[in-house]
Amino acid sequence: MRLNKYLAACGVASRRDCDEIIKSGRVRVNGKVASLGQDVNEGDEVMLDNSKVSLKKNEYYILNKPKGYLSTVEDDKGRKTVLDLLPPTVGRIYPVGRLDYDSEGLLILTTDGELAQRLTHPSNEVPKTYLVRIEGTATEATLNPIRSGIEIEGGYVTKKCKAHIVETNKEYTKIHITITEGKNREIRKMFAAIGREVTLLKRIKVGELTLRGLDRGAYRKLTKQEVAYLMSI
């Protein structure tokens, strides 16, 4: 097995990030500094930063992230992260993708670096659906520039997406939007490009996986069927 795949299977990081870790010289195999592209055989001793790395059964969780938590493992400013919502017995686990500090909703956490890579790599175009609330009234025509792909801050043009209004009145409009990419604060920037500020952003689906039955801040383990589904997409 390739070393980067082995490290990802051990829950160290995604395969791509493991490549960077290997290149940095932090990994040793049988006492020797590892090289990129190296294979690992049964019985080999793999060390990361002087700690032994070994295969273990992966864990998979779904979390209904509240506002005010970072989608990271730790924060140098001491702010709360999503790991603060999980029991300490969970161990070394990582969020798949990100929801920004002011956003909420469905977040997958796992020790399976390979699955994390597959779910977040742009080429796989995994659909993610969000509930968005903006101030004031809107019509379906308001969303046409967003559906078609729109230039956002930084000059990037977003991919085509699905969007439709689920509720509108004089005070606010609620919209369901499904995207297949995950640029930093992309949805907020998309609405900013049409002059509308997002006042609520909640991820409600990844593929067909939903938050059904999970209160804000609550979590549970994914079922075998749900894990198999995520691997299939």
C-alpha atoms as a PDB file:
ATOM      1  CA  MET A   1       0.000   0.000   0.000  1.00  0.00           C
ATOM      2  CA  ARG A   2       1.268   3.484  -0.833  1.00  0.00           C
ATOM      3  CA  LEU A   3       2.376   5.376   2.262  1.00  0.00           C
ATOM      4  CA  ASN A   4       0.042   8.332   1.696  1.00  0.00           C
ATOM      5  CA  LYS A   5      -2.933   5.983   1.383  1.00  0.00           C
ATOM      6  CA  TYR A   6      -1.830   4.117   4.515  1.00  0.00           C
ATOM      7  CA  LEU A   7      -1.582   7.355   6.520  1.00  0.00           C
ATOM      8  CA  ALA A   8      -5.005   8.471   5.271  1.00  0.00           C
ATOM      9  CA  ALA A   9      -6.480   5.100   6.248  1.00  0.00           C
ATOM     10  CA  CYS A  10      -5.005   5.601   9.724  1.00  0.00           C
ATOM     11  CA  GLY A  11      -6.905   8.870  10.014  1.00  0.00           C
ATOM     12  CA  VAL A  12      -3.863  11.159   9.865  1.00  0.00           C
ATOM     13  CA  ALA A  13      -5.261  13.436   7.130  1.00  0.00           C
ATOM     14  CA  SER A  14      -6.480  13.346   3.535  1.00  0.00           C
ATOM     15  CA  ARG A  15      -4.194  11.597   1.049  1.00  0.00           C
ATOM     16  CA  ARG A  16      -3.152  14.933  -0.459  1.00  0.00           C
ATOM     17  CA  ASP A  17      -2.302  16.405   2.955  1.00  0.00           C
ATOM     18  CA  CYS A  18      -0.421  13.223   3.818  1.00  0.00           C
ATOM     19  CA  ASP A  19       1.791  13.846   0.786  1.00  0.00           C
ATOM     20  CA  GLU A  20       2.768  17.196   2.287  1.00  0.00           C
ATOM     21  CA  ILE A  21       3.428  15.592   5.677  1.00  0.00           C
ATOM     22  CA  ILE A  22       5.696  13.009   4.043  1.00  0.00           C
ATOM     23  CA  LYS A  23       7.571  15.678   2.076  1.00  0.00           C
ATOM     24  CA  SER A  24       8.161  17.612   5.300  1.00  0.00           C
ATOM     25  CA  GLY A  25      10.188  14.681   6.652  1.00  0.00           C
ATOM     26  CA  ARG A  26       7.891  14.010   9.610  1.00  0.00           C
ATOM     27  CA  VAL A  27       7.287  10.349   8.695  1.00  0.00           C
ATOM     28  CA  ARG A  28       9.696   7.445   9.237  1.00  0.00           C
ATOM     29  CA  VAL A  29       9.303   3.863   8.033  1.00  0.00           C
ATOM     30  CA  ASN A  30      11.393   1.281   9.881  1.00  0.00           C
ATOM     31  CA  GLY A  31      13.531   4.083  11.311  1.00  0.00           C
ATOM     32  CA  LYS A  32      14.282   5.826   8.012  1.00  0.00           C
ATOM     33  CA  VAL A  33      12.808   9.113   6.778  1.00  0.00           C
ATOM     34  CA  ALA A  34      10.058   8.223   4.314  1.00  0.00           C
ATOM     35  CA  SER A  35       9.913   9.387   0.697  1.00  0.00           C
ATOM     36  CA  LEU A  36       6.951  10.387  -1.425  1.00  0.00           C
ATOM     37  CA  GLY A  37       5.478   7.425  -3.312  1.00  0.00           C
ATOM     38  CA  GLN A  38       6.975   4.884  -0.942  1.00  0.00           C
ATOM     39  CA  ASP A  39       5.122   1.626  -0.286  1.00  0.00           C
ATOM     40  CA  VAL A  40       4.325   0.211   3.151  1.00  0.00           C
ATOM     41  CA  ASN A  41       4.270  -3.534   3.701  1.00  0.00           C
ATOM     42  CA  GLU A  42       2.747  -5.634   6.451  1.00  0.00           C
ATOM     43  CA  GLY A  43       4.991  -5.543   9.516  1.00  0.00           C
ATOM     44  CA  ASP A  44       6.582  -2.184   8.693  1.00  0.00           C
ATOM     45  CA  GLU A  45       6.785   0.325  11.539  1.00  0.00           C
ATOM     46  CA  VAL A  46       5.443   3.741  10.581  1.00  0.00           C
ATOM     47  CA  MET A  47       6.152   6.724  12.826  1.00  0.00           C
ATOM     48  CA  LEU A  48       4.737  10.250  12.615  1.00  0.00           C
ATOM     49  CA  ASP A  49       6.474  12.831  14.816  1.00  0.00           C
ATOM     50  CA  ASN A  50       7.875   9.984  16.969  1.00  0.00           C
ATOM     51  CA  SER A  51       4.423   8.421  17.474  1.00  0.00           C
ATOM     52  CA  LYS A  52       3.557   5.051  15.965  1.00  0.00           C
ATOM     53  CA  VAL A  53       0.829   5.098  13.342  1.00  0.00           C
ATOM     54  CA  SER A  54      -1.287   1.995  12.776  1.00  0.00           C
ATOM     55  CA  LEU A  55      -4.469   1.022  11.010  1.00  0.00           C
ATOM     56  CA  LYS A  56      -7.634   1.134  13.063  1.00  0.00           C
ATOM     57  CA  LYS A  57     -11.338   0.957  12.506  1.00  0.00           C
ATOM     58  CA  ASN A  58     -12.567   4.271  11.127  1.00  0.00           C
ATOM     59  CA  GLU A  59     -15.251   6.303  12.854  1.00  0.00           C
ATOM     60  CA  TYR A  60     -17.960   8.355  11.177  1.00  0.00           C
ATOM     61  CA  TYR A  61     -20.174  11.001  12.783  1.00  0.00           C
ATOM     62  CA  ILE A  62     -22.797  13.488  11.685  1.00  0.00           C
ATOM     63  CA  LEU A  63     -23.133  16.734  13.638  1.00  0.00           C
ATOM     64  CA  ASN A  64     -25.690  19.539  13.557  1.00  0.00           C
ATOM     65  CA  LYS A  65     -23.201  22.380  13.949  1.00  0.00           C
ATOM     66  CA  PRO A  66     -24.432  25.520  15.735  1.00  0.00           C
ATOM     67  CA  LYS A  67     -23.180  29.032  15.053  1.00  0.00           C
ATOM     68  CA  GLY A  68     -20.135  30.099  17.017  1.00  0.00           C
ATOM     69  CA  TYR A  69     -17.997  27.005  16.438  1.00  0.00           C
ATOM     70  CA  LEU A  70     -15.044  26.619  14.087  1.00  0.00           C
ATOM     71  CA  SER A  71     -14.905  23.630  11.735  1.00  0.00           C
ATOM     72  CA  THR A  72     -11.336  22.847  12.717  1.00  0.00           C
ATOM     73  CA  VAL A  73      -9.527  20.522  15.107  1.00  0.00           C
ATOM     74  CA  GLU A  74      -8.027  23.348  17.157  1.00  0.00           C
ATOM     75  CA  ASP A  75      -7.754  27.126  17.200  1.00  0.00           C
ATOM     76  CA  ASP A  76      -4.719  29.155  18.234  1.00  0.00           C
ATOM     77  CA  LYS A  77      -7.018  31.889  19.560  1.00  0.00           C
ATOM     78  CA  GLY A  78      -8.783  29.535  21.939  1.00  0.00           C
ATOM     79  CA  ARG A  79     -12.168  29.725  20.212  1.00  0.00           C
ATOM     80  CA  LYS A  80     -14.601  26.813  20.366  1.00  0.00           C
ATOM     81  CA  THR A  81     -14.321  24.152  17.669  1.00  0.00           C
ATOM     82  CA  VAL A  82     -16.738  21.435  16.588  1.00  0.00           C
ATOM     83  CA  LEU A  83     -14.643  18.886  18.485  1.00  0.00           C
ATOM     84  CA  ASP A  84     -15.792  20.560  21.710  1.00  0.00           C
ATOM     85  CA  LEU A  85     -19.256  19.169  20.917  1.00  0.00           C
ATOM     86  CA  LEU A  86     -18.011  15.564  20.788  1.00  0.00           C
ATOM     87  CA  PRO A  87     -16.951  13.367  23.730  1.00  0.00           C
ATOM     88  CA  PRO A  88     -13.177  13.220  24.390  1.00  0.00           C
ATOM     89  CA  THR A  89     -13.280   9.457  23.830  1.00  0.00           C
ATOM     90  CA  VAL A  90     -13.770   9.995  20.094  1.00  0.00           C
ATOM     91  CA  GLY A  91     -10.045  10.589  19.594  1.00  0.00           C
ATOM     92  CA  ARG A  92      -8.358  11.875  16.450  1.00  0.00           C
ATOM     93  CA  ILE A  93     -11.200  12.886  14.137  1.00  0.00           C
ATOM     94  CA  TYR A  94     -11.530  15.572  11.488  1.00  0.00           C
ATOM     95  CA  PRO A  95     -14.383  17.605   9.987  1.00  0.00           C
ATOM     96  CA  VAL A  96     -15.056  16.934   6.307  1.00  0.00           C
ATOM     97  CA  GLY A  97     -15.028  20.303   4.592  1.00  0.00           C
ATOM     98  CA  ARG A  98     -15.991  23.443   6.476  1.00  0.00           C
ATOM     99  CA  LEU A  99     -18.898  25.492   7.686  1.00  0.00           C
ATOM    100  CA  ASP A 100     -17.770  28.982   8.612  1.00  0.00           C
ATOM    101  CA  TYR A 101     -18.064  30.379  12.144  1.00  0.00           C
ATOM    102  CA  ASP A 102     -21.438  32.050  11.492  1.00  0.00           C
ATOM    103  CA  SER A 103     -22.943  29.135   9.567  1.00  0.00           C
ATOM    104  CA  GLU A 104     -24.650  26.040  10.918  1.00  0.00           C
ATOM    105  CA  GLY A 105     -25.975  22.659   9.928  1.00  0.00           C
ATOM    106  CA  LEU A 106     -24.784  19.303   8.646  1.00  0.00           C
ATOM    107  CA  LEU A 107     -21.138  18.486   9.198  1.00  0.00           C
ATOM    108  CA  ILE A 108     -19.532  15.063   8.760  1.00  0.00           C
ATOM    109  CA  LEU A 109     -16.560  14.149  10.953  1.00  0.00           C
ATOM    110  CA  THR A 110     -14.427  11.077  10.407  1.00  0.00           C
ATOM    111  CA  THR A 111     -11.050   9.417  10.901  1.00  0.00           C
ATOM    112  CA  ASP A 112     -11.270   8.188   7.284  1.00  0.00           C
ATOM    113  CA  GLY A 113      -8.992  10.516   5.333  1.00  0.00           C
ATOM    114  CA  GLU A 114      -9.744   8.725   2.079  1.00  0.00           C
ATOM    115  CA  LEU A 115     -13.486   9.362   2.343  1.00  0.00           C
ATOM    116  CA  ALA A 116     -12.880  12.969   3.395  1.00  0.00           C
ATOM    117  CA  GLN A 117     -10.811  13.493   0.249  1.00  0.00           C
ATOM    118  CA  ARG A 118     -13.495  11.982  -1.975  1.00  0.00           C
ATOM    119  CA  LEU A 119     -16.278  14.094  -0.471  1.00  0.00           C
ATOM    120  CA  THR A 120     -14.386  17.382  -0.728  1.00  0.00           C
ATOM    121  CA  HIS A 121     -12.487  17.069  -4.008  1.00  0.00           C
ATOM    122  CA  PRO A 122     -14.088  19.431  -6.583  1.00  0.00           C
ATOM    123  CA  SER A 123     -13.903  16.861  -9.391  1.00  0.00           C
ATOM    124  CA  ASN A 124     -16.365  14.586  -7.576  1.00  0.00           C
ATOM    125  CA  GLU A 125     -19.042  17.327  -7.501  1.00  0.00           C
ATOM    126  CA  VAL A 126     -20.772  16.074  -4.361  1.00  0.00           C
ATOM    127  CA  PRO A 127     -24.038  18.069  -4.040  1.00  0.00           C
ATOM    128  CA  LYS A 128     -24.540  20.056  -0.847  1.00  0.00           C
ATOM    129  CA  THR A 129     -27.850  21.781  -0.107  1.00  0.00           C
ATOM    130  CA  TYR A 130     -28.249  24.858   2.087  1.00  0.00           C
ATOM    131  CA  LEU A 131     -31.089  26.850   3.569  1.00  0.00           C
ATOM    132  CA  VAL A 132     -30.345  30.526   2.978  1.00  0.00           C
ATOM    133  CA  ARG A 133     -32.252  33.495   4.394  1.00  0.00           C
ATOM    134  CA  ILE A 134     -31.857  36.973   2.966  1.00  0.00           C
ATOM    135  CA  GLU A 135     -33.570  40.210   3.944  1.00  0.00           C
ATOM    136  CA  GLY A 136     -36.574  41.427   1.962  1.00  0.00           C
ATOM    137  CA  THR A 137     -38.677  40.021  -0.843  1.00  0.00           C
ATOM    138  CA  ALA A 138     -37.195  38.099  -3.765  1.00  0.00           C
ATOM    139  CA  THR A 139     -38.531  36.374  -6.859  1.00  0.00           C
ATOM    140  CA  GLU A 140     -37.319  33.351  -8.787  1.00  0.00           C
ATOM    141  CA  ALA A 141     -35.872  35.771 -11.353  1.00  0.00           C
ATOM    142  CA  THR A 142     -33.704  37.239  -8.589  1.00  0.00           C
ATOM    143  CA  LEU A 143     -31.869  33.916  -8.428  1.00  0.00           C
ATOM    144  CA  ASN A 144     -31.167  33.531 -12.156  1.00  0.00           C
ATOM    145  CA  PRO A 145     -27.641  35.062 -12.040  1.00  0.00           C
ATOM    146  CA  ILE A 146     -26.744  32.688  -9.204  1.00  0.00           C
ATOM    147  CA  ARG A 147     -28.160  29.653 -11.025  1.00  0.00           C
ATOM    148  CA  SER A 148     -26.197  30.479 -14.168  1.00  0.00           C
ATOM    149  CA  GLY A 149     -22.861  31.003 -12.413  1.00  0.00           C
ATOM    150  CA  ILE A 150     -21.802  34.392 -11.126  1.00  0.00           C
ATOM    151  CA  GLU A 151     -18.541  36.248 -10.665  1.00  0.00           C
ATOM    152  CA  ILE A 152     -17.784  36.650  -6.977  1.00  0.00           C
ATOM    153  CA  GLU A 153     -15.165  38.482  -4.957  1.00  0.00           C
ATOM    154  CA  GLY A 154     -11.720  37.684  -6.319  1.00  0.00           C
ATOM    155  CA  GLY A 155     -12.930  37.295  -9.911  1.00  0.00           C
ATOM    156  CA  TYR A 156     -13.914  33.616  -9.628  1.00  0.00           C
ATOM    157  CA  VAL A 157     -17.003  32.527 -11.586  1.00  0.00           C
ATOM    158  CA  THR A 158     -19.063  29.939  -9.737  1.00  0.00           C
ATOM    159  CA  LYS A 159     -20.434  26.799 -11.336  1.00  0.00           C
ATOM    160  CA  LYS A 160     -24.084  26.513 -12.286  1.00  0.00           C
ATOM    161  CA  CYS A 161     -26.270  25.480  -9.368  1.00  0.00           C
ATOM    162  CA  LYS A 162     -29.840  24.804  -8.336  1.00  0.00           C
ATOM    163  CA  ALA A 163     -31.795  27.375  -6.314  1.00  0.00           C
ATOM    164  CA  HIS A 164     -35.454  27.973  -5.538  1.00  0.00           C
ATOM    165  CA  ILE A 165     -37.486  30.055  -3.113  1.00  0.00           C
ATOM    166  CA  VAL A 166     -39.264  28.206  -0.305  1.00  0.00           C
ATOM    167  CA  GLU A 167     -40.746  31.243   1.490  1.00  0.00           C
ATOM    168  CA  THR A 168     -40.878  34.981   0.887  1.00  0.00           C
ATOM    169  CA  ASN A 169     -42.506  38.035   2.467  1.00  0.00           C
ATOM    170  CA  LYS A 170     -41.714  41.707   3.061  1.00  0.00           C
ATOM    171  CA  GLU A 171     -39.211  40.937   5.823  1.00  0.00           C
ATOM    172  CA  TYR A 172     -37.203  38.015   4.437  1.00  0.00           C
ATOM    173  CA  THR A 173     -36.879  35.292   1.794  1.00  0.00           C
ATOM    174  CA  LYS A 174     -35.818  31.687   2.404  1.00  0.00           C
ATOM    175  CA  ILE A 175     -34.071  29.807  -0.379  1.00  0.00           C
ATOM    176  CA  HIS A 176     -32.796  26.283  -0.939  1.00  0.00           C
ATOM    177  CA  ILE A 177     -29.559  26.258  -2.931  1.00  0.00           C
ATOM    178  CA  THR A 178     -27.558  23.203  -4.028  1.00  0.00           C
ATOM    179  CA  ILE A 179     -23.912  23.595  -5.033  1.00  0.00           C
ATOM    180  CA  THR A 180     -21.214  21.101  -6.009  1.00  0.00           C
ATOM    181  CA  GLU A 181     -18.150  23.099  -4.981  1.00  0.00           C
ATOM    182  CA  GLY A 182     -17.046  24.595  -1.704  1.00  0.00           C
ATOM    183  CA  LYS A 183     -15.061  27.817  -2.035  1.00  0.00           C
ATOM    184  CA  ASN A 184     -14.549  29.807   1.162  1.00  0.00           C
ATOM    185  CA  ARG A 185     -17.803  31.642   2.048  1.00  0.00           C
ATOM    186  CA  GLU A 186     -18.970  30.959  -1.517  1.00  0.00           C
ATOM    187  CA  ILE A 187     -22.726  31.220  -0.954  1.00  0.00           C
ATOM    188  CA  ARG A 188     -22.426  34.454   1.014  1.00  0.00           C
ATOM    189  CA  LYS A 189     -20.299  35.903  -1.793  1.00  0.00           C
ATOM    190  CA  MET A 190     -22.782  34.724  -4.449  1.00  0.00           C
ATOM    191  CA  PHE A 191     -25.617  36.621  -2.807  1.00  0.00           C
ATOM    192  CA  ALA A 192     -23.384  39.617  -2.150  1.00  0.00           C
ATOM    193  CA  ALA A 193     -22.768  39.716  -5.909  1.00  0.00           C
ATOM    194  CA  ILE A 194     -26.492  40.374  -6.462  1.00  0.00           C
ATOM    195  CA  GLY A 195     -26.608  42.896  -3.633  1.00  0.00           C
ATOM    196  CA  ARG A 196     -28.249  40.675  -1.020  1.00  0.00           C
ATOM    197  CA  GLU A 197     -26.863  39.908   2.446  1.00  0.00           C
ATOM    198  CA  VAL A 198     -27.221  36.405   3.886  1.00  0.00           C
ATOM    199  CA  THR A 199     -28.651  36.490   7.430  1.00  0.00           C
ATOM    200  CA  LEU A 200     -28.872  32.705   7.888  1.00  0.00           C
ATOM    201  CA  LEU A 201     -26.879  29.924   6.261  1.00  0.00           C
ATOM    202  CA  LYS A 202     -27.557  26.312   7.199  1.00  0.00           C
ATOM    203  CA  ARG A 203     -26.354  23.181   5.400  1.00  0.00           C
ATOM    204  CA  ILE A 204     -29.265  20.756   5.359  1.00  0.00           C
ATOM    205  CA  LYS A 205     -28.060  17.965   3.042  1.00  0.00           C
ATOM    206  CA  VAL A 206     -24.913  16.305   1.721  1.00  0.00           C
ATOM    207  CA  GLY A 207     -26.065  14.234  -1.211  1.00  0.00           C
ATOM    208  CA  GLU A 208     -29.221  12.670   0.245  1.00  0.00           C
ATOM    209  CA  LEU A 209     -27.903  12.599   3.833  1.00  0.00           C
ATOM    210  CA  THR A 210     -29.952  14.927   6.054  1.00  0.00           C
ATOM    211  CA  LEU A 211     -30.094  16.226   9.632  1.00  0.00           C
ATOM    212  CA  ARG A 212     -33.373  14.477  10.353  1.00  0.00           C
ATOM    213  CA  GLY A 213     -33.773  13.919  14.110  1.00  0.00           C
ATOM    214  CA  LEU A 214     -30.664  15.885  15.128  1.00  0.00           C
ATOM    215  CA  ASP A 215     -31.130  18.989  17.274  1.00  0.00           C
ATOM    216  CA  ARG A 216     -28.722  21.904  17.016  1.00  0.00           C
ATOM    217  CA  GLY A 217     -25.418  20.899  18.631  1.00  0.00           C
ATOM    218  CA  ALA A 218     -26.320  17.182  18.661  1.00  0.00           C
ATOM    219  CA  TYR A 219     -24.404  14.383  16.937  1.00  0.00           C
ATOM    220  CA  ARG A 220     -24.605  10.661  16.257  1.00  0.00           C
ATOM    221  CA  LYS A 221     -22.625   7.920  14.581  1.00  0.00           C
ATOM    222  CA  LEU A 222     -23.421   7.269  10.953  1.00  0.00           C
ATOM    223  CA  THR A 223     -24.965   3.900  10.169  1.00  0.00           C
ATOM    224  CA  LYS A 224     -23.177   1.370   7.976  1.00  0.00           C
ATOM    225  CA  GLN A 225     -25.716   2.104   5.255  1.00  0.00           C
ATOM    226  CA  GLU A 226     -25.041   5.849   5.447  1.00  0.00           C
ATOM    227  CA  VAL A 227     -21.273   5.307   5.285  1.00  0.00           C
ATOM    228  CA  ALA A 228     -21.688   3.034   2.282  1.00  0.00           C
ATOM    229  CA  TYR A 229     -23.857   5.693   0.627  1.00  0.00           C
ATOM    230  CA  LEU A 230     -21.264   8.435   1.178  1.00  0.00           C
ATOM    231  CA  MET A 231     -18.575   6.183  -0.290  1.00  0.00           C
ATOM    232  CA  SER A 232     -20.773   5.592  -3.325  1.00  0.00           C
ATOM    233  CA  ILE A 233     -21.095   9.301  -4.147  1.00  0.00           C
END
